[in-house]
N, C-alpha and C. Protein backbone atom coordinates (compact mmCIF):
# COMPACT_ATOMS: atom_id res chain seq x y z
N MET A 1 -38.08 -20.54 4.09
CA MET A 1 -37.21 -20.36 2.73
C MET A 1 -38.22 -21.56 1.81
N THR A 2 -38.68 -20.62 0.90
CA THR A 2 -39.37 -21.04 -0.29
C THR A 2 -38.43 -22.10 -0.76
N ARG A 3 -39.32 -23.02 -1.66
CA ARG A 3 -38.15 -24.56 -2.74
C ARG A 3 -37.42 -23.81 -3.28
N ALA A 4 -37.62 -22.49 -3.94
CA ALA A 4 -37.18 -22.37 -5.08
C ALA A 4 -35.63 -21.52 -4.23
N ALA A 5 -35.61 -20.69 -3.44
CA ALA A 5 -34.89 -20.63 -2.55
C ALA A 5 -33.99 -21.22 -2.00
N ALA A 6 -34.28 -22.32 -1.41
CA ALA A 6 -33.97 -23.81 -1.01
C ALA A 6 -32.60 -24.04 -2.19
N LEU A 7 -33.48 -24.52 -3.21
CA LEU A 7 -32.75 -25.10 -4.88
C LEU A 7 -31.83 -24.18 -5.30
N ALA A 8 -31.95 -22.55 -4.77
CA ALA A 8 -31.08 -21.55 -5.34
C ALA A 8 -29.39 -22.20 -4.33
N VAL A 9 -29.67 -21.89 -3.43
CA VAL A 9 -28.72 -22.37 -2.56
C VAL A 9 -27.89 -23.28 -2.35
N VAL A 10 -28.65 -24.88 -2.74
CA VAL A 10 -27.98 -26.03 -3.36
C VAL A 10 -27.08 -25.78 -4.29
N LEU A 11 -28.08 -25.28 -5.51
CA LEU A 11 -27.20 -25.11 -6.93
C LEU A 11 -26.18 -24.02 -6.74
N LEU A 12 -25.74 -23.23 -5.75
CA LEU A 12 -24.59 -22.77 -5.78
C LEU A 12 -23.38 -23.12 -5.08
N TRP A 13 -24.05 -24.22 -4.07
CA TRP A 13 -22.89 -25.06 -3.46
C TRP A 13 -22.40 -25.86 -3.70
N ALA A 14 -23.40 -26.57 -4.86
CA ALA A 14 -22.75 -27.28 -5.95
C ALA A 14 -22.02 -27.16 -7.31
N VAL A 15 -22.04 -25.43 -7.86
CA VAL A 15 -21.27 -25.41 -8.82
C VAL A 15 -19.83 -25.21 -8.11
N PRO A 16 -18.66 -25.40 -8.83
CA PRO A 16 -17.35 -25.36 -8.74
C PRO A 16 -16.86 -23.99 -8.86
N ALA A 17 -15.97 -23.71 -7.91
CA ALA A 17 -15.32 -22.20 -8.04
C ALA A 17 -14.31 -21.85 -9.09
N ASP A 18 -14.90 -20.65 -9.71
CA ASP A 18 -13.94 -20.48 -10.61
C ASP A 18 -12.16 -19.94 -10.44
N ALA A 19 -12.34 -19.93 -9.36
CA ALA A 19 -10.62 -19.41 -8.69
C ALA A 19 -9.88 -20.57 -8.92
N ALA A 20 -8.68 -20.05 -9.10
CA ALA A 20 -7.22 -20.94 -9.27
C ALA A 20 -7.10 -21.48 -7.97
N GLU A 21 -6.77 -22.84 -8.11
CA GLU A 21 -6.30 -23.62 -6.77
C GLU A 21 -5.25 -23.06 -5.96
N THR A 22 -5.16 -23.01 -4.60
CA THR A 22 -3.59 -22.66 -4.04
C THR A 22 -3.58 -24.11 -2.72
N ALA A 23 -2.40 -24.14 -2.89
CA ALA A 23 -1.87 -25.52 -1.79
C ALA A 23 -1.18 -24.27 -0.77
N ARG A 24 -1.21 -25.02 0.50
CA ARG A 24 -0.38 -24.18 1.62
C ARG A 24 0.85 -24.95 2.25
N VAL A 25 1.43 -24.43 2.48
CA VAL A 25 2.50 -24.99 2.97
C VAL A 25 3.07 -24.15 3.78
N GLY A 26 2.79 -24.78 5.50
CA GLY A 26 3.15 -24.20 6.51
C GLY A 26 4.89 -24.37 7.04
N ILE A 27 4.87 -23.11 8.01
CA ILE A 27 6.07 -23.13 8.40
C ILE A 27 6.03 -23.34 10.06
N ASP A 28 7.00 -24.57 10.29
CA ASP A 28 6.90 -24.42 12.20
C ASP A 28 7.67 -25.25 12.49
N ARG A 29 8.13 -25.22 13.56
CA ARG A 29 9.31 -25.93 13.79
C ARG A 29 10.20 -26.19 12.97
N MET A 30 11.23 -24.81 12.62
CA MET A 30 11.93 -24.86 11.60
C MET A 30 12.19 -26.10 10.80
N ARG A 31 10.91 -26.20 10.01
CA ARG A 31 10.71 -27.13 8.44
C ARG A 31 9.05 -26.37 8.17
N PHE A 32 9.27 -27.19 6.70
CA PHE A 32 8.23 -26.36 6.21
C PHE A 32 7.16 -27.87 5.79
N GLN A 33 6.17 -27.74 6.02
CA GLN A 33 4.82 -28.64 6.08
C GLN A 33 3.86 -28.43 5.18
N PRO A 34 4.12 -29.46 4.06
CA PRO A 34 4.63 -30.37 3.99
C PRO A 34 6.32 -29.76 3.65
N ALA A 35 7.32 -30.79 3.44
CA ALA A 35 8.73 -30.79 2.35
C ALA A 35 8.38 -30.40 1.21
N ALA A 36 7.49 -31.46 0.74
CA ALA A 36 7.47 -31.53 -0.76
C ALA A 36 5.97 -31.65 -1.28
N VAL A 37 5.89 -31.37 -2.44
CA VAL A 37 4.15 -30.45 -2.19
C VAL A 37 4.18 -30.87 -3.85
N THR A 38 2.89 -31.35 -4.75
CA THR A 38 2.81 -31.50 -5.87
C THR A 38 1.47 -31.09 -5.93
N VAL A 39 1.60 -30.19 -7.39
CA VAL A 39 0.07 -29.26 -7.47
C VAL A 39 0.16 -29.22 -9.45
N LYS A 40 -0.94 -29.36 -9.50
CA LYS A 40 -1.12 -29.11 -11.31
C LYS A 40 -0.71 -27.71 -11.96
N ALA A 41 -0.08 -27.66 -12.99
CA ALA A 41 0.44 -26.43 -13.23
C ALA A 41 -1.01 -25.21 -13.08
N GLY A 42 -0.93 -23.92 -13.06
CA GLY A 42 -1.60 -22.97 -12.88
C GLY A 42 -2.18 -22.58 -11.33
N THR A 43 -1.69 -23.67 -10.44
CA THR A 43 -1.52 -23.29 -8.73
C THR A 43 -0.75 -22.56 -8.28
N THR A 44 -1.60 -21.69 -7.36
CA THR A 44 -0.54 -21.06 -6.23
C THR A 44 -0.12 -21.80 -5.08
N VAL A 45 1.30 -21.51 -4.58
CA VAL A 45 1.49 -22.34 -3.47
C VAL A 45 1.84 -20.97 -2.61
N ALA A 46 1.04 -20.87 -1.33
CA ALA A 46 0.79 -20.08 -0.33
C ALA A 46 1.73 -20.68 0.82
N TRP A 47 2.56 -20.04 0.91
CA TRP A 47 3.62 -20.14 2.39
C TRP A 47 3.06 -19.47 3.37
N VAL A 48 2.95 -20.36 4.40
CA VAL A 48 2.40 -19.29 5.99
C VAL A 48 3.55 -19.39 7.23
N ASN A 49 4.17 -18.70 7.58
CA ASN A 49 4.75 -18.96 9.12
C ASN A 49 3.95 -19.02 10.16
N ASP A 50 3.91 -20.14 10.49
CA ASP A 50 3.17 -20.80 11.83
C ASP A 50 3.68 -20.48 13.10
N GLU A 51 5.06 -20.13 12.95
CA GLU A 51 5.80 -19.94 13.55
C GLU A 51 5.25 -19.02 15.03
N LYS A 52 5.75 -18.85 16.45
CA LYS A 52 5.58 -18.08 17.30
C LYS A 52 6.55 -17.13 17.68
N ARG A 53 7.59 -17.17 17.21
CA ARG A 53 8.91 -16.02 17.38
C ARG A 53 9.79 -15.87 16.23
N THR A 54 10.31 -16.64 15.41
CA THR A 54 10.95 -16.88 14.23
C THR A 54 10.58 -16.63 13.11
N SER A 55 11.29 -15.83 12.46
CA SER A 55 11.09 -15.07 10.88
C SER A 55 11.88 -16.25 10.05
N HIS A 56 11.19 -16.02 8.88
CA HIS A 56 11.79 -17.10 7.52
C HIS A 56 11.74 -16.32 6.29
N SER A 57 12.01 -17.39 5.33
CA SER A 57 11.63 -16.88 3.96
C SER A 57 11.97 -17.61 3.22
N VAL A 58 11.28 -17.62 1.73
CA VAL A 58 11.18 -18.57 0.84
C VAL A 58 12.15 -18.17 -0.54
N PHE A 59 13.18 -19.19 -0.47
CA PHE A 59 14.19 -18.68 -1.88
C PHE A 59 14.36 -19.77 -2.78
N PHE A 60 14.22 -19.40 -4.14
CA PHE A 60 14.40 -20.13 -5.18
C PHE A 60 16.24 -20.09 -5.41
N GLU A 61 16.83 -20.41 -4.96
CA GLU A 61 17.90 -19.70 -5.22
C GLU A 61 18.63 -20.44 -7.19
N THR A 62 18.31 -21.99 -7.16
CA THR A 62 18.85 -22.36 -8.31
C THR A 62 17.98 -21.27 -9.25
N GLU A 63 17.08 -20.68 -9.19
CA GLU A 63 16.21 -20.44 -10.38
C GLU A 63 16.59 -18.86 -10.53
N GLY A 64 17.82 -18.19 -9.68
CA GLY A 64 18.22 -16.82 -9.54
C GLY A 64 16.59 -16.11 -9.33
N LEU A 65 16.02 -16.67 -9.29
CA LEU A 65 14.82 -15.21 -8.58
C LEU A 65 15.17 -14.58 -6.82
N ALA A 66 14.40 -13.60 -7.12
CA ALA A 66 15.03 -13.06 -5.29
C ALA A 66 13.77 -13.71 -4.32
N GLU A 67 15.12 -13.87 -2.93
CA GLU A 67 14.29 -14.02 -1.95
C GLU A 67 13.31 -13.54 -1.71
N SER A 68 11.92 -14.18 -1.05
CA SER A 68 10.81 -13.50 -0.35
C SER A 68 11.54 -12.57 0.84
N GLU A 69 10.08 -11.94 0.57
CA GLU A 69 10.78 -10.65 1.96
C GLU A 69 10.47 -11.62 3.61
N ARG A 70 11.19 -11.37 4.59
CA ARG A 70 11.08 -11.85 5.87
C ARG A 70 9.67 -12.50 5.99
N LEU A 71 9.76 -13.32 6.43
CA LEU A 71 8.07 -13.60 7.00
C LEU A 71 7.80 -13.75 8.29
N LEU A 72 6.95 -12.60 9.29
CA LEU A 72 7.27 -12.81 10.45
C LEU A 72 6.22 -13.72 10.56
N PRO A 73 5.85 -14.11 12.31
CA PRO A 73 5.06 -15.22 12.48
C PRO A 73 3.26 -14.81 12.11
N GLY A 74 2.93 -15.45 11.72
CA GLY A 74 1.22 -15.14 10.93
C GLY A 74 1.45 -14.39 9.60
N ASP A 75 2.27 -14.31 9.17
CA ASP A 75 2.89 -13.44 7.84
C ASP A 75 2.88 -14.91 6.59
N SER A 76 2.49 -14.40 5.12
CA SER A 76 2.37 -15.68 4.49
C SER A 76 3.02 -14.70 2.74
N TRP A 77 3.67 -15.67 1.96
CA TRP A 77 4.07 -14.92 0.63
C TRP A 77 3.42 -16.29 -0.36
N GLN A 78 3.17 -16.05 -1.55
CA GLN A 78 3.02 -16.85 -2.68
C GLN A 78 3.13 -16.73 -4.06
N ARG A 79 3.30 -17.89 -4.93
CA ARG A 79 4.02 -17.73 -5.77
C ARG A 79 3.27 -18.78 -6.96
N LYS A 80 2.79 -18.67 -7.91
CA LYS A 80 2.02 -19.42 -8.87
C LYS A 80 3.16 -19.71 -9.34
N PHE A 81 2.72 -21.30 -10.07
CA PHE A 81 3.73 -22.26 -10.83
C PHE A 81 2.81 -22.66 -12.22
N GLU A 82 3.15 -21.82 -13.36
CA GLU A 82 2.82 -22.14 -14.29
C GLU A 82 3.00 -22.96 -15.44
N ARG A 83 4.33 -23.37 -15.02
CA ARG A 83 4.88 -24.67 -16.22
C ARG A 83 5.18 -25.70 -15.13
N PRO A 84 5.65 -27.24 -16.06
CA PRO A 84 5.32 -28.52 -15.28
C PRO A 84 7.00 -28.27 -14.52
N GLY A 85 7.36 -29.00 -13.85
CA GLY A 85 8.85 -28.87 -13.39
C GLY A 85 9.09 -29.46 -12.12
N ARG A 86 10.19 -29.11 -11.53
CA ARG A 86 10.94 -29.69 -9.90
C ARG A 86 11.50 -28.25 -9.76
N TYR A 87 10.85 -27.76 -8.36
CA TYR A 87 11.29 -26.14 -7.95
C TYR A 87 11.43 -26.36 -6.83
N ALA A 88 13.22 -26.46 -6.38
CA ALA A 88 13.99 -26.68 -5.12
C ALA A 88 13.81 -25.51 -4.32
N TYR A 89 13.31 -25.37 -3.26
CA TYR A 89 13.57 -24.07 -2.34
C TYR A 89 14.39 -24.04 -1.22
N ARG A 90 14.35 -22.95 -0.37
CA ARG A 90 15.05 -23.35 1.26
C ARG A 90 14.75 -21.90 1.60
N CYS A 91 15.15 -21.92 2.94
CA CYS A 91 14.78 -20.95 3.83
C CYS A 91 16.04 -19.86 3.89
N GLY A 92 15.81 -18.71 3.70
CA GLY A 92 16.70 -17.64 3.56
C GLY A 92 17.95 -17.70 4.57
N PRO A 93 17.33 -17.41 5.61
CA PRO A 93 17.91 -17.41 7.00
C PRO A 93 18.49 -18.50 7.33
N HIS A 94 17.86 -19.69 7.22
CA HIS A 94 18.23 -21.23 7.49
C HIS A 94 17.86 -21.73 6.78
N PRO A 95 19.35 -22.16 5.88
CA PRO A 95 19.72 -23.08 4.69
C PRO A 95 19.65 -24.60 5.08
N GLU A 96 19.08 -25.29 6.46
CA GLU A 96 18.86 -26.73 5.98
C GLU A 96 17.19 -26.52 6.26
N MET A 97 16.75 -25.37 6.23
CA MET A 97 15.26 -25.58 5.87
C MET A 97 14.89 -25.66 4.49
N ILE A 98 14.54 -26.92 3.81
CA ILE A 98 14.43 -27.39 2.41
C ILE A 98 13.02 -27.93 1.74
N GLY A 99 12.82 -27.44 0.61
CA GLY A 99 11.39 -27.99 0.31
C GLY A 99 11.57 -28.05 -1.15
N VAL A 100 10.68 -28.61 -1.53
CA VAL A 100 10.09 -28.85 -3.21
C VAL A 100 9.07 -28.69 -3.56
N VAL A 101 8.45 -28.26 -4.77
CA VAL A 101 7.21 -27.61 -5.08
C VAL A 101 7.44 -28.77 -6.70
N GLU A 102 7.07 -29.66 -6.42
CA GLU A 102 6.78 -30.53 -7.81
C GLU A 102 5.00 -30.15 -8.81
N VAL A 103 5.71 -29.60 -10.40
CA VAL A 103 4.33 -29.15 -10.69
C VAL A 103 4.48 -29.99 -11.72
N VAL A 104 2.86 -30.23 -11.99
CA VAL A 104 2.49 -31.54 -12.98
C VAL A 104 1.47 -30.54 -13.96
N PRO A 105 1.38 -31.65 -15.17
CA PRO A 105 0.49 -30.47 -16.22
C PRO A 105 -0.80 -30.94 -15.68
């Protein structure tokens, strides 16, 4: 590899990506993991069903939003949070499963 090519590779790794940030919330053992997540405004949160047999959903009931589709094992669903605030949610079929997304400026 030439010196110029090596420098180009190093510079590509050093430049931050323009893509918006994504936070992951796993769903496993009948819990959202982590149950509470804090993100900056503009961040997308992705919920991933890591269970082996059970389906789940993400439901921001107090906001009056529609429940996500059922997430079968391995499925994911995401939402982008534009405004600061506290967003509580639960699993539609398992209301004891609760979580919160805290969005900061």
